[in-house]
């Protein structure tokens, strides 16, 4: 069985080209949107890491203040007469 050569007329080439262009443009838009999303998430992740570090520092400082107040209160209670 002999293969027949494929002949495309100008309209078929333009239609195929338009279809490929449309698919390419759609894919390009999706990739661009994905890149933007990745950049926004990277920025948000960075901001959240900074907020977490600040919250940890605040918690540490507050725990130190609580411990200091506890020591002072125990000292005061020890001085109270029975």
PDB file of N, CA and C in Angstrom:
ATOM      1  N   UNK A   1       0.849  -1.173   0.000  1.00  0.00           N
ATOM      2  CA  UNK A   1       0.000   0.000   0.000  1.00  0.00           C
ATOM      3  C   UNK A   1       0.894   1.235   0.000  1.00  0.00           C
ATOM      4  N   UNK A   2       0.710   2.067  -0.941  1.00  0.00           N
ATOM      5  CA  UNK A   2       1.539   3.249  -1.115  1.00  0.00           C
ATOM      6  C   UNK A   2       0.904   4.433  -0.403  1.00  0.00           C
ATOM      7  N   UNK A   3       1.730   5.187   0.336  1.00  0.00           N
ATOM      8  CA  UNK A   3       1.222   6.363   1.039  1.00  0.00           C
ATOM      9  C   UNK A   3       1.036   7.497   0.056  1.00  0.00           C
ATOM     10  N   UNK A   4      -0.063   8.187   0.212  1.00  0.00           N
ATOM     11  CA  UNK A   4      -0.341   9.333  -0.626  1.00  0.00           C
ATOM     12  C   UNK A   4       0.288  10.574   0.011  1.00  0.00           C
ATOM     13  N   UNK A   5       0.877  11.426  -0.757  1.00  0.00           N
ATOM     14  CA  UNK A   5       1.433  12.648  -0.183  1.00  0.00           C
ATOM     15  C   UNK A   5       0.319  13.526   0.366  1.00  0.00           C
ATOM     16  N   UNK A   6       0.634  14.248   1.410  1.00  0.00           N
ATOM     17  CA  UNK A   6      -0.327  15.135   2.046  1.00  0.00           C
ATOM     18  C   UNK A   6      -0.192  16.523   1.441  1.00  0.00           C
ATOM     19  N   UNK A   7      -1.258  16.997   0.879  1.00  0.00           N
ATOM     20  CA  UNK A   7      -1.275  18.326   0.294  1.00  0.00           C
ATOM     21  C   UNK A   7      -2.225  19.194   1.090  1.00  0.00           C
ATOM     22  N   UNK A   8      -1.758  20.326   1.496  1.00  0.00           N
ATOM     23  CA  UNK A   8      -2.592  21.278   2.223  1.00  0.00           C
ATOM     24  C   UNK A   8      -2.750  22.520   1.378  1.00  0.00           C
ATOM     25  N   UNK A   9      -3.965  22.985   1.322  1.00  0.00           N
ATOM     26  CA  UNK A   9      -4.156  24.240   0.605  1.00  0.00           C
ATOM     27  C   UNK A   9      -3.911  25.401   1.558  1.00  0.00           C
ATOM     28  N   UNK A  10      -3.875  26.593   1.063  1.00  0.00           N
ATOM     29  CA  UNK A  10      -3.558  27.775   1.863  1.00  0.00           C
ATOM     30  C   UNK A  10      -4.530  27.950   3.010  1.00  0.00           C
ATOM     31  N   UNK A  11      -5.813  27.688   2.785  1.00  0.00           N
ATOM     32  CA  UNK A  11      -6.828  27.840   3.846  1.00  0.00           C
ATOM     33  C   UNK A  11      -6.567  26.846   4.971  1.00  0.00           C
ATOM     34  N   UNK A  12      -6.212  25.620   4.625  1.00  0.00           N
ATOM     35  CA  UNK A  12      -5.944  24.605   5.647  1.00  0.00           C
ATOM     36  C   UNK A  12      -4.709  24.979   6.458  1.00  0.00           C
ATOM     37  N   UNK A  13      -3.680  25.491   5.791  1.00  0.00           N
ATOM     38  CA  UNK A  13      -2.464  25.909   6.498  1.00  0.00           C
ATOM     39  C   UNK A  13      -2.783  27.054   7.444  1.00  0.00           C
ATOM     40  N   UNK A  14      -3.558  28.038   6.989  1.00  0.00           N
ATOM     41  CA  UNK A  14      -3.920  29.167   7.849  1.00  0.00           C
ATOM     42  C   UNK A  14      -4.780  28.720   9.023  1.00  0.00           C
ATOM     43  N   UNK A  15      -5.714  27.810   8.763  1.00  0.00           N
ATOM     44  CA  UNK A  15      -6.574  27.312   9.836  1.00  0.00           C
ATOM     45  C   UNK A  15      -5.735  26.558  10.866  1.00  0.00           C
ATOM     46  N   UNK A  16      -4.842  25.706  10.395  1.00  0.00           N
ATOM     47  CA  UNK A  16      -3.964  24.955  11.293  1.00  0.00           C
ATOM     48  C   UNK A  16      -3.063  25.918  12.060  1.00  0.00           C
ATOM     49  N   UNK A  17      -2.522  26.896  11.368  1.00  0.00           N
ATOM     50  CA  UNK A  17      -1.655  27.874  11.990  1.00  0.00           C
ATOM     51  C   UNK A  17      -2.405  28.678  13.037  1.00  0.00           C
ATOM     52  N   UNK A  18      -3.625  29.073  12.749  1.00  0.00           N
ATOM     53  CA  UNK A  18      -4.434  29.829  13.710  1.00  0.00           C
ATOM     54  C   UNK A  18      -4.726  28.989  14.943  1.00  0.00           C
ATOM     55  N   UNK A  19      -5.018  27.710  14.713  1.00  0.00           N
ATOM     56  CA  UNK A  19      -5.306  26.811  15.830  1.00  0.00           C
ATOM     57  C   UNK A  19      -4.070  26.647  16.718  1.00  0.00           C
ATOM     58  N   UNK A  20      -2.921  26.445  16.114  1.00  0.00           N
ATOM     59  CA  UNK A  20      -1.673  26.297  16.866  1.00  0.00           C
ATOM     60  C   UNK A  20      -1.352  27.599  17.590  1.00  0.00           C
ATOM     61  N   UNK A  21      -1.536  28.725  16.902  1.00  0.00           N
ATOM     62  CA  UNK A  21      -1.297  30.027  17.541  1.00  0.00           C
ATOM     63  C   UNK A  21      -2.205  30.224  18.746  1.00  0.00           C
ATOM     64  N   UNK A  22      -3.465  29.852  18.611  1.00  0.00           N
ATOM     65  CA  UNK A  22      -4.406  30.002  19.721  1.00  0.00           C
ATOM     66  C   UNK A  22      -3.996  29.124  20.901  1.00  0.00           C
ATOM     67  N   UNK A  23      -3.597  27.893  20.605  1.00  0.00           N
ATOM     68  CA  UNK A  23      -3.153  26.998  21.679  1.00  0.00           C
ATOM     69  C   UNK A  23      -1.887  27.532  22.337  1.00  0.00           C
ATOM     70  N   UNK A  24      -0.971  28.020  21.520  1.00  0.00           N
ATOM     71  CA  UNK A  24       0.270  28.574  22.058  1.00  0.00           C
ATOM     72  C   UNK A  24      -0.020  29.795  22.926  1.00  0.00           C
ATOM     73  N   UNK A  25      -0.882  30.685  22.453  1.00  0.00           N
ATOM     74  CA  UNK A  25      -1.229  31.880  23.225  1.00  0.00           C
ATOM     75  C   UNK A  25      -1.905  31.511  24.536  1.00  0.00           C
ATOM     76  N   UNK A  26      -2.769  30.499  24.493  1.00  0.00           N
ATOM     77  CA  UNK A  26      -3.433  30.037  25.719  1.00  0.00           C
ATOM     78  C   UNK A  26      -2.403  29.477  26.704  1.00  0.00           C
ATOM     79  N   UNK A  27      -1.490  28.665  26.197  1.00  0.00           N
ATOM     80  CA  UNK A  27      -0.444  28.094  27.056  1.00  0.00           C
ATOM     81  C   UNK A  27       0.459  29.185  27.602  1.00  0.00           C
ATOM     82  N   UNK A  28       0.805  30.142  26.766  1.00  0.00           N
ATOM     83  CA  UNK A  28       1.641  31.258  27.199  1.00  0.00           C
ATOM     84  C   UNK A  28       0.964  32.047  28.317  1.00  0.00           C
ATOM     85  N   UNK A  29      -0.330  32.281  28.178  1.00  0.00           N
ATOM     86  CA  UNK A  29      -1.070  33.014  29.215  1.00  0.00           C
ATOM     87  C   UNK A  29      -1.101  32.223  30.517  1.00  0.00           C
ATOM     88  N   UNK A  30      -1.274  30.916  30.409  1.00  0.00           N
ATOM     89  CA  UNK A  30      -1.302  30.068  31.616  1.00  0.00           C
ATOM     90  C   UNK A  30       0.060  30.044  32.303  1.00  0.00           C
ATOM     91  N   UNK A  31       1.125  29.954  31.531  1.00  0.00           N
ATOM     92  CA  UNK A  31       2.482  29.957  32.101  1.00  0.00           C
ATOM     93  C   UNK A  31       2.760  31.295  32.774  1.00  0.00           C
ATOM     94  N   UNK A  32       2.369  32.388  32.118  1.00  0.00           N
ATOM     95  CA  UNK A  32       2.554  33.718  32.698  1.00  0.00           C
ATOM     96  C   UNK A  32       1.785  33.843  34.008  1.00  0.00           C
ATOM     97  N   UNK A  33       0.547  33.341  34.026  1.00  0.00           N
ATOM     98  CA  UNK A  33      -0.261  33.374  35.250  1.00  0.00           C
ATOM     99  C   UNK A  33       0.384  32.535  36.347  1.00  0.00           C
ATOM    100  N   UNK A  34       0.910  31.365  35.984  1.00  0.00           N
ATOM    101  CA  UNK A  34       1.566  30.487  36.948  1.00  0.00           C
ATOM    102  C   UNK A  34       2.807  31.148  37.536  1.00  0.00           C
ATOM    103  N   UNK A  35       3.590  31.805  36.693  1.00  0.00           N
ATOM    104  CA  UNK A  35       4.796  32.500  37.164  1.00  0.00           C
ATOM    105  C   UNK A  35       4.412  33.610  38.138  1.00  0.00           C
ATOM    106  N   UNK A  36       3.361  34.358  37.801  1.00  0.00           N
ATOM    107  CA  UNK A  36       2.893  35.410  38.706  1.00  0.00           C
ATOM    108  C   UNK A  36       2.447  34.845  40.040  1.00  0.00           C
ATOM    109  N   UNK A  37       1.727  33.724  39.999  1.00  0.00           N
ATOM    110  CA  UNK A  37       1.284  33.078  41.232  1.00  0.00           C
ATOM    111  C   UNK A  37       2.476  32.630  42.066  1.00  0.00           C
ATOM    112  N   UNK A  38       3.483  32.046  41.425  1.00  0.00           N
ATOM    113  CA  UNK A  38       4.688  31.606  42.148  1.00  0.00           C
ATOM    114  C   UNK A  38       5.388  32.792  42.805  1.00  0.00           C
ATOM    115  N   UNK A  39       5.472  33.895  42.094  1.00  0.00           N
ATOM    116  CA  UNK A  39       6.119  35.082  42.658  1.00  0.00           C
ATOM    117  C   UNK A  39       5.330  35.627  43.838  1.00  0.00           C
ATOM    118  N   UNK A  40       4.006  35.672  43.716  1.00  0.00           N
ATOM    119  CA  UNK A  40       3.178  36.148  44.843  1.00  0.00           C
ATOM    120  C   UNK A  40       3.314  35.226  46.046  1.00  0.00           C
ATOM    121  N   UNK A  41       3.316  33.912  45.806  1.00  0.00           N
ATOM    122  CA  UNK A  41       3.443  32.961  46.915  1.00  0.00           C
ATOM    123  C   UNK A  41       4.822  33.044  47.560  1.00  0.00           C
ATOM    124  N   UNK A  42       5.855  33.270  46.762  1.00  0.00           N
ATOM    125  CA  UNK A  42       7.213  33.418  47.312  1.00  0.00           C
ATOM    126  C   UNK A  42       7.275  34.645  48.217  1.00  0.00           C
ATOM    127  N   UNK A  43       6.679  35.750  47.760  1.00  0.00           N
ATOM    128  CA  UNK A  43       6.655  36.979  48.553  1.00  0.00           C
ATOM    129  C   UNK A  43       5.845  36.762  49.834  1.00  0.00           C
ATOM    130  N   UNK A  44       4.682  36.128  49.694  1.00  0.00           N
ATOM    131  CA  UNK A  44       3.849  35.865  50.869  1.00  0.00           C
ATOM    132  C   UNK A  44       4.568  34.949  51.863  1.00  0.00           C
ATOM    133  N   UNK A  45       5.250  33.939  51.356  1.00  0.00           N
ATOM    134  CA  UNK A  45       5.998  33.022  52.214  1.00  0.00           C
ATOM    135  C   UNK A  45       7.099  33.764  52.964  1.00  0.00           C
ATOM    136  N   UNK A  46       7.801  34.645  52.263  1.00  0.00           N
ATOM    137  CA  UNK A  46       8.850  35.447  52.896  1.00  0.00           C
ATOM    138  C   UNK A  46       8.259  36.311  54.009  1.00  0.00           C
ATOM    139  N   UNK A  47       7.138  36.979  53.714  1.00  0.00           N
ATOM    140  CA  UNK A  47       6.485  37.826  54.714  1.00  0.00           C
ATOM    141  C   UNK A  47       6.032  37.011  55.920  1.00  0.00           C
ATOM    142  N   UNK A  48       5.478  35.836  55.662  1.00  0.00           N
ATOM    143  CA  UNK A  48       5.015  34.980  56.761  1.00  0.00           C
ATOM    144  C   UNK A  48       6.182  34.492  57.616  1.00  0.00           C
ATOM    145  N   UNK A  49       7.302  34.193  56.988  1.00  0.00           N
ATOM    146  CA  UNK A  49       8.486  33.785  57.761  1.00  0.00           C
ATOM    147  C   UNK A  49       8.961  34.918  58.671  1.00  0.00           C
ATOM    148  N   UNK A  50       8.926  36.148  58.155  1.00  0.00           N
ATOM    149  CA  UNK A  50       9.317  37.292  58.979  1.00  0.00           C
ATOM    150  C   UNK A  50       8.329  37.490  60.132  1.00  0.00           C
ATOM    151  N   UNK A  51       7.038  37.347  59.850  1.00  0.00           N
ATOM    152  CA  UNK A  51       6.033  37.487  60.910  1.00  0.00           C
ATOM    153  C   UNK A  51       6.207  36.401  61.969  1.00  0.00           C
ATOM    154  N   UNK A  52       6.492  35.183  61.526  1.00  0.00           N
ATOM    155  CA  UNK A  52       6.703  34.085  62.470  1.00  0.00           C
ATOM    156  C   UNK A  52       7.923  34.345  63.348  1.00  0.00           C
ATOM    157  N   UNK A  53       9.007  34.810  62.757  1.00  0.00           N
ATOM    158  CA  UNK A  53      10.213  35.112  63.537  1.00  0.00           C
ATOM    159  C   UNK A  53       9.919  36.209  64.557  1.00  0.00           C
ATOM    160  N   UNK A  54       9.174  37.239  64.158  1.00  0.00           N
ATOM    161  CA  UNK A  54       8.825  38.317  65.086  1.00  0.00           C
ATOM    162  C   UNK A  54       7.934  37.788  66.210  1.00  0.00           C
ATOM    163  N   UNK A  55       6.980  36.930  65.868  1.00  0.00           N
ATOM    164  CA  UNK A  55       6.088  36.362  66.885  1.00  0.00           C
ATOM    165  C   UNK A  55       6.868  35.490  67.871  1.00  0.00           C
ATOM    166  N   UNK A  56       7.832  34.732  67.371  1.00  0.00           N
ATOM    167  CA  UNK A  56       8.655  33.903  68.256  1.00  0.00           C
ATOM    168  C   UNK A  56       9.473  34.782  69.199  1.00  0.00           C
ATOM    169  N   UNK A  57      10.025  35.862  68.675  1.00  0.00           N
ATOM    170  CA  UNK A  57      10.792  36.778  69.522  1.00  0.00           C
ATOM    171  C   UNK A  57       9.900  37.410  70.582  1.00  0.00           C
ATOM    172  N   UNK A  58       8.698  37.816  70.202  1.00  0.00           N
ATOM    173  CA  UNK A  58       7.748  38.392  71.167  1.00  0.00           C
ATOM    174  C   UNK A  58       7.393  37.376  72.242  1.00  0.00           C
ATOM    175  N   UNK A  59       7.138  36.139  71.834  1.00  0.00           N
ATOM    176  CA  UNK A  59       6.780  35.089  72.792  1.00  0.00           C
ATOM    177  C   UNK A  59       7.934  34.838  73.759  1.00  0.00           C
ATOM    178  N   UNK A  60       9.151  34.821  73.244  1.00  0.00           N
ATOM    179  CA  UNK A  60      10.325  34.612  74.107  1.00  0.00           C
ATOM    180  C   UNK A  60      10.460  35.749  75.109  1.00  0.00           C
ATOM    181  N   UNK A  61      10.312  36.982  74.615  1.00  0.00           N
ATOM    182  CA  UNK A  61      10.428  38.152  75.494  1.00  0.00           C
ATOM    183  C   UNK A  61       9.330  38.129  76.561  1.00  0.00           C
ATOM    184  N   UNK A  62       8.105  37.788  76.175  1.00  0.00           N
ATOM    185  CA  UNK A  62       7.008  37.736  77.145  1.00  0.00           C
ATOM    186  C   UNK A  62       7.224  36.628  78.166  1.00  0.00           C
ATOM    187  N   UNK A  63       7.733  35.487  77.730  1.00  0.00           N
ATOM    188  CA  UNK A  63       8.021  34.397  78.676  1.00  0.00           C
ATOM    189  C   UNK A  63       9.105  34.794  79.669  1.00  0.00           C
ATOM    190  N   UNK A  64      10.087  35.548  79.190  1.00  0.00           N
ATOM    191  CA  UNK A  64      11.129  36.027  80.100  1.00  0.00           C
ATOM    192  C   UNK A  64      10.537  36.998  81.123  1.00  0.00           C
ATOM    193  N   UNK A  65       9.642  37.857  80.682  1.00  0.00           N
ATOM    194  CA  UNK A  65       9.005  38.800  81.615  1.00  0.00           C
ATOM    195  C   UNK A  65       8.131  38.067  82.630  1.00  0.00           C
ATOM    196  N   UNK A  66       7.434  37.039  82.183  1.00  0.00           N
ATOM    197  CA  UNK A  66       6.597  36.242  83.092  1.00  0.00           C
ATOM    198  C   UNK A  66       7.482  35.552  84.125  1.00  0.00           C
ATOM    199  N   UNK A  67       8.582  34.990  83.669  1.00  0.00           N
ATOM    200  CA  UNK A  67       9.499  34.307  84.594  1.00  0.00           C
ATOM    201  C   UNK A  67      10.068  35.292  85.609  1.00  0.00           C
ATOM    202  N   UNK A  68      10.420  36.475  85.150  1.00  0.00           N
ATOM    203  CA  UNK A  68      10.939  37.504  86.057  1.00  0.00           C
ATOM    204  C   UNK A  68       9.878  37.906  87.082  1.00  0.00           C
ATOM    205  N   UNK A  69       8.654  38.090  86.627  1.00  0.00           N
ATOM    206  CA  UNK A  69       7.568  38.451  87.546  1.00  0.00           C
ATOM    207  C   UNK A  69       7.310  37.328  88.539  1.00  0.00           C
ATOM    208  N   UNK A  70       7.420  36.095  88.094  1.00  0.00           N
ATOM    209  CA  UNK A  70       7.222  34.939  88.970  1.00  0.00           C
ATOM    210  C   UNK A  70       8.272  34.915  90.084  1.00  0.00           C
ATOM    211  N   UNK A  71       9.530  35.161  89.693  1.00  0.00           N
ATOM    212  CA  UNK A  71      10.618  35.172  90.686  1.00  0.00           C
ATOM    213  C   UNK A  71      10.384  36.287  91.704  1.00  0.00           C
ATOM    214  N   UNK A  72       9.998  37.474  91.236  1.00  0.00           N
ATOM    215  CA  UNK A  72       9.740  38.596  92.154  1.00  0.00           C
ATOM    216  C   UNK A  72       8.574  38.282  93.080  1.00  0.00           C
ATOM    217  N   UNK A  73       7.519  37.689  92.540  1.00  0.00           N
ATOM    218  CA  UNK A  73       6.352  37.352  93.358  1.00  0.00           C
ATOM    219  C   UNK A  73       6.711  36.303  94.413  1.00  0.00           C
ATOM    220  N   UNK A  74       7.476  35.297  94.030  1.00  0.00           N
ATOM    221  CA  UNK A  74       7.901  34.282  94.999  1.00  0.00           C
ATOM    222  C   UNK A  74       8.755  34.912  96.100  1.00  0.00           C
ATOM    223  N   UNK A  75       9.599  35.871  95.724  1.00  0.00           N
ATOM    224  CA  UNK A  75      10.439  36.552  96.699  1.00  0.00           C
ATOM    225  C   UNK A  75       9.585  37.354  97.677  1.00  0.00           C
ATOM    226  N   UNK A  76       8.589  38.045  97.160  1.00  0.00           N
ATOM    227  CA  UNK A  76       7.675  38.816  98.022  1.00  0.00           C
ATOM    228  C   UNK A  76       6.888  37.886  98.952  1.00  0.00           C
ATOM    229  N   UNK A  77       6.412  36.788  98.409  1.00  0.00           N
ATOM    230  CA  UNK A  77       5.637  35.849  99.236  1.00  0.00           C
ATOM    231  C   UNK A  77       6.516  35.237 100.337  1.00  0.00           C
ATOM    232  N   UNK A  78       7.783  35.027 100.048  1.00  0.00           N
ATOM    233  CA  UNK A  78       8.687  34.440 101.043  1.00  0.00           C
ATOM    234  C   UNK A  78       8.925  35.400 102.196  1.00  0.00           C
ATOM    235  N   UNK A  79       8.797  36.720 101.950  1.00  0.00           N
ATOM    236  CA  UNK A  79       9.018  37.703 102.992  1.00  0.00           C
ATOM    237  C   UNK A  79       7.795  37.967 103.870  1.00  0.00           C
ATOM    238  N   UNK A  80       6.663  37.463 103.440  1.00  0.00           N
ATOM    239  CA  UNK A  80       5.441  37.678 104.239  1.00  0.00           C
ATOM    240  C   UNK A  80       5.533  36.886 105.556  1.00  0.00           C
ATOM    241  N   UNK A  81       5.076  37.516 106.623  1.00  0.00           N
ATOM    242  CA  UNK A  81       5.085  36.769 107.890  1.00  0.00           C
ATOM    243  C   UNK A  81       4.003  35.667 107.860  1.00  0.00           C
ATOM    244  N   UNK A  82       4.271  34.644 108.585  1.00  0.00           N
ATOM    245  CA  UNK A  82       3.309  33.536 108.659  1.00  0.00           C
ATOM    246  C   UNK A  82       2.127  33.860 109.472  1.00  0.00           C
TER     247      UNK A  82
END
